[in-house]
């Protein structure tokens, strides 16, 4: 792949992941991480594909990197619901229940009337408590 773009790498990683070709997904995710080290998506794909390949240390490192980047994005734009949700899912994969609860409380404070958030909180508490 000559001079692939970040979007191309992520699309190829997603397609390979969906086909359960985790080696190929990982290769594209690694390339995406090199192209755009600030990409939450790239690090998240690397974490997921590494996990599926049984490489827990790489999966954890990549997941932590994605979480750090998602947090930075939320600090820059506190109303970025997409990155807030991304943080929740990354925290779930890292099994950080206390941090999940704190983030849920913060989101409920910021978005008290959000029906989607209320549903997410209810679903989380039913499944993970």
C-alpha atoms as a PDB file:
ATOM      1  CA  UNK A   1       0.000   0.000   0.000  1.00  0.00           C
ATOM      2  CA  UNK A   2       1.809   3.097  -1.252  1.00  0.00           C
ATOM      3  CA  UNK A   3       1.356   6.196   0.895  1.00  0.00           C
ATOM      4  CA  UNK A   4      -1.863   5.056   2.508  1.00  0.00           C
ATOM      5  CA  UNK A   5      -3.973   7.589   4.319  1.00  0.00           C
ATOM      6  CA  UNK A   6      -5.190   7.225   7.864  1.00  0.00           C
ATOM      7  CA  UNK A   7      -8.751   6.732   6.630  1.00  0.00           C
ATOM      8  CA  UNK A   8      -7.658   3.957   4.259  1.00  0.00           C
ATOM      9  CA  UNK A   9      -5.744   2.172   7.012  1.00  0.00           C
ATOM     10  CA  UNK A  10      -8.698   2.392   9.376  1.00  0.00           C
ATOM     11  CA  UNK A  11     -11.129   1.166   6.715  1.00  0.00           C
ATOM     12  CA  UNK A  12      -8.853  -1.771   5.901  1.00  0.00           C
ATOM     13  CA  UNK A  13      -8.377  -2.542   9.599  1.00  0.00           C
ATOM     14  CA  UNK A  14     -12.146  -2.476  10.163  1.00  0.00           C
ATOM     15  CA  UNK A  15     -12.832  -4.698   7.158  1.00  0.00           C
ATOM     16  CA  UNK A  16     -10.180  -7.213   8.215  1.00  0.00           C
ATOM     17  CA  UNK A  17     -11.454  -7.181  11.797  1.00  0.00           C
ATOM     18  CA  UNK A  18     -15.018  -7.866  10.642  1.00  0.00           C
ATOM     19  CA  UNK A  19     -13.720 -10.794   8.594  1.00  0.00           C
ATOM     20  CA  UNK A  20     -11.925 -12.028  11.728  1.00  0.00           C
ATOM     21  CA  UNK A  21      -8.534 -11.597  10.028  1.00  0.00           C
ATOM     22  CA  UNK A  22      -6.945 -10.144  13.130  1.00  0.00           C
ATOM     23  CA  UNK A  23      -3.354 -10.287  11.841  1.00  0.00           C
ATOM     24  CA  UNK A  24      -4.257  -8.092   8.874  1.00  0.00           C
ATOM     25  CA  UNK A  25      -6.382  -5.817  11.064  1.00  0.00           C
ATOM     26  CA  UNK A  26      -3.447  -5.400  13.413  1.00  0.00           C
ATOM     27  CA  UNK A  27      -1.038  -4.619  10.572  1.00  0.00           C
ATOM     28  CA  UNK A  28      -3.333  -1.883   9.258  1.00  0.00           C
ATOM     29  CA  UNK A  29      -3.918  -0.545  12.765  1.00  0.00           C
ATOM     30  CA  UNK A  30      -0.185  -0.385  13.419  1.00  0.00           C
ATOM     31  CA  UNK A  31       0.286   1.542  10.178  1.00  0.00           C
ATOM     32  CA  UNK A  32      -2.535   3.891  11.208  1.00  0.00           C
ATOM     33  CA  UNK A  33      -0.863   4.481  14.581  1.00  0.00           C
ATOM     34  CA  UNK A  34       2.364   5.439  12.811  1.00  0.00           C
ATOM     35  CA  UNK A  35       0.551   7.733  10.380  1.00  0.00           C
ATOM     36  CA  UNK A  36      -1.486   9.451  13.110  1.00  0.00           C
ATOM     37  CA  UNK A  37      -0.257   8.769  16.640  1.00  0.00           C
ATOM     38  CA  UNK A  38      -3.033  11.059  17.950  1.00  0.00           C
ATOM     39  CA  UNK A  39      -5.825   8.904  16.463  1.00  0.00           C
ATOM     40  CA  UNK A  40      -8.069   7.285  19.063  1.00  0.00           C
ATOM     41  CA  UNK A  41      -9.482   5.025  16.346  1.00  0.00           C
ATOM     42  CA  UNK A  42      -6.055   3.751  15.306  1.00  0.00           C
ATOM     43  CA  UNK A  43      -5.038   2.848  18.856  1.00  0.00           C
ATOM     44  CA  UNK A  44      -8.446   1.315  19.542  1.00  0.00           C
ATOM     45  CA  UNK A  45      -8.208  -0.928  16.466  1.00  0.00           C
ATOM     46  CA  UNK A  46      -4.719  -1.945  17.529  1.00  0.00           C
ATOM     47  CA  UNK A  47      -5.998  -2.793  21.003  1.00  0.00           C
ATOM     48  CA  UNK A  48      -8.902  -4.858  19.674  1.00  0.00           C
ATOM     49  CA  UNK A  49      -6.866  -6.772  17.097  1.00  0.00           C
ATOM     50  CA  UNK A  50      -4.011  -7.420  19.532  1.00  0.00           C
ATOM     51  CA  UNK A  51      -6.536  -8.725  22.079  1.00  0.00           C
ATOM     52  CA  UNK A  52      -7.996 -11.084  19.492  1.00  0.00           C
ATOM     53  CA  UNK A  53      -4.474 -12.263  18.626  1.00  0.00           C
ATOM     54  CA  UNK A  54      -3.856 -13.076  22.288  1.00  0.00           C
ATOM     55  CA  UNK A  55      -1.315 -10.284  22.779  1.00  0.00           C
ATOM     56  CA  UNK A  56      -2.681  -8.929  26.052  1.00  0.00           C
ATOM     57  CA  UNK A  57       0.264  -6.594  26.838  1.00  0.00           C
ATOM     58  CA  UNK A  58      -0.010  -4.808  23.475  1.00  0.00           C
ATOM     59  CA  UNK A  59      -3.794  -4.713  23.751  1.00  0.00           C
ATOM     60  CA  UNK A  60      -3.598  -3.091  27.175  1.00  0.00           C
ATOM     61  CA  UNK A  61      -0.950  -0.548  26.131  1.00  0.00           C
ATOM     62  CA  UNK A  62      -2.925   0.413  23.015  1.00  0.00           C
ATOM     63  CA  UNK A  63      -6.181   0.638  24.957  1.00  0.00           C
ATOM     64  CA  UNK A  64      -4.531   2.901  27.542  1.00  0.00           C
ATOM     65  CA  UNK A  65      -3.135   5.095  24.764  1.00  0.00           C
ATOM     66  CA  UNK A  66      -6.584   5.344  23.139  1.00  0.00           C
ATOM     67  CA  UNK A  67      -8.088   6.235  26.533  1.00  0.00           C
ATOM     68  CA  UNK A  68      -5.482   8.950  27.117  1.00  0.00           C
ATOM     69  CA  UNK A  69      -6.216  10.448  23.700  1.00  0.00           C
ATOM     70  CA  UNK A  70      -9.983  10.270  24.243  1.00  0.00           C
ATOM     71  CA  UNK A  71      -9.567  12.055  27.582  1.00  0.00           C
ATOM     72  CA  UNK A  72      -7.463  14.761  25.945  1.00  0.00           C
ATOM     73  CA  UNK A  73     -10.140  15.236  23.289  1.00  0.00           C
ATOM     74  CA  UNK A  74     -12.786  15.618  26.012  1.00  0.00           C
ATOM     75  CA  UNK A  75     -10.638  18.138  27.862  1.00  0.00           C
ATOM     76  CA  UNK A  76     -10.427  20.223  24.683  1.00  0.00           C
ATOM     77  CA  UNK A  77     -14.158  19.843  24.031  1.00  0.00           C
ATOM     78  CA  UNK A  78     -16.078  18.770  27.176  1.00  0.00           C
ATOM     79  CA  UNK A  79     -19.329  18.489  25.210  1.00  0.00           C
ATOM     80  CA  UNK A  80     -17.890  15.894  22.813  1.00  0.00           C
ATOM     81  CA  UNK A  81     -20.295  13.056  23.520  1.00  0.00           C
ATOM     82  CA  UNK A  82     -18.600  10.703  21.074  1.00  0.00           C
ATOM     83  CA  UNK A  83     -15.284  10.852  22.938  1.00  0.00           C
ATOM     84  CA  UNK A  84     -17.034  10.560  26.302  1.00  0.00           C
ATOM     85  CA  UNK A  85     -18.708   7.360  25.128  1.00  0.00           C
ATOM     86  CA  UNK A  86     -15.408   6.148  23.715  1.00  0.00           C
ATOM     87  CA  UNK A  87     -13.852   6.652  27.137  1.00  0.00           C
ATOM     88  CA  UNK A  88     -16.582   4.552  28.726  1.00  0.00           C
ATOM     89  CA  UNK A  89     -16.027   1.655  26.348  1.00  0.00           C
ATOM     90  CA  UNK A  90     -12.256   1.816  26.768  1.00  0.00           C
ATOM     91  CA  UNK A  91     -12.631   1.890  30.550  1.00  0.00           C
ATOM     92  CA  UNK A  92     -14.929  -1.135  30.337  1.00  0.00           C
ATOM     93  CA  UNK A  93     -12.305  -3.048  28.377  1.00  0.00           C
ATOM     94  CA  UNK A  94      -9.712  -2.096  30.982  1.00  0.00           C
ATOM     95  CA  UNK A  95     -12.158  -3.109  33.746  1.00  0.00           C
ATOM     96  CA  UNK A  96     -11.835   0.216  35.609  1.00  0.00           C
ATOM     97  CA  UNK A  97     -15.187   0.261  37.377  1.00  0.00           C
ATOM     98  CA  UNK A  98     -14.474   3.198  39.697  1.00  0.00           C
ATOM     99  CA  UNK A  99     -13.425   5.391  36.780  1.00  0.00           C
ATOM    100  CA  UNK A 100     -16.505   4.313  34.824  1.00  0.00           C
ATOM    101  CA  UNK A 101     -18.757   5.319  37.714  1.00  0.00           C
ATOM    102  CA  UNK A 102     -17.014   8.685  38.034  1.00  0.00           C
ATOM    103  CA  UNK A 103     -17.323   9.371  34.313  1.00  0.00           C
ATOM    104  CA  UNK A 104     -20.978   8.339  34.282  1.00  0.00           C
ATOM    105  CA  UNK A 105     -21.685  10.695  37.191  1.00  0.00           C
ATOM    106  CA  UNK A 106     -19.892  13.543  35.394  1.00  0.00           C
ATOM    107  CA  UNK A 107     -21.821  12.894  32.179  1.00  0.00           C
ATOM    108  CA  UNK A 108     -25.123  12.776  34.061  1.00  0.00           C
ATOM    109  CA  UNK A 109     -24.240  16.128  35.625  1.00  0.00           C
ATOM    110  CA  UNK A 110     -23.395  17.645  32.231  1.00  0.00           C
ATOM    111  CA  UNK A 111     -26.314  16.072  30.354  1.00  0.00           C
ATOM    112  CA  UNK A 112     -29.126  15.524  32.901  1.00  0.00           C
ATOM    113  CA  UNK A 113     -31.866  15.302  30.273  1.00  0.00           C
ATOM    114  CA  UNK A 114     -30.171  12.964  27.814  1.00  0.00           C
ATOM    115  CA  UNK A 115     -32.382   9.898  27.269  1.00  0.00           C
ATOM    116  CA  UNK A 116     -29.489   8.077  25.568  1.00  0.00           C
ATOM    117  CA  UNK A 117     -27.258   8.621  28.573  1.00  0.00           C
ATOM    118  CA  UNK A 118     -29.976   7.498  30.990  1.00  0.00           C
ATOM    119  CA  UNK A 119     -30.360   4.293  28.978  1.00  0.00           C
ATOM    120  CA  UNK A 120     -26.587   3.758  28.911  1.00  0.00           C
ATOM    121  CA  UNK A 121     -26.308   4.229  32.686  1.00  0.00           C
ATOM    122  CA  UNK A 122     -29.163   1.798  33.303  1.00  0.00           C
ATOM    123  CA  UNK A 123     -27.715  -0.778  30.922  1.00  0.00           C
ATOM    124  CA  UNK A 124     -24.239  -0.461  32.431  1.00  0.00           C
ATOM    125  CA  UNK A 125     -25.492  -0.831  35.983  1.00  0.00           C
ATOM    126  CA  UNK A 126     -27.655  -3.847  35.115  1.00  0.00           C
ATOM    127  CA  UNK A 127     -24.811  -5.640  33.334  1.00  0.00           C
ATOM    128  CA  UNK A 128     -21.777  -4.743  35.382  1.00  0.00           C
ATOM    129  CA  UNK A 129     -22.920  -4.335  38.974  1.00  0.00           C
END
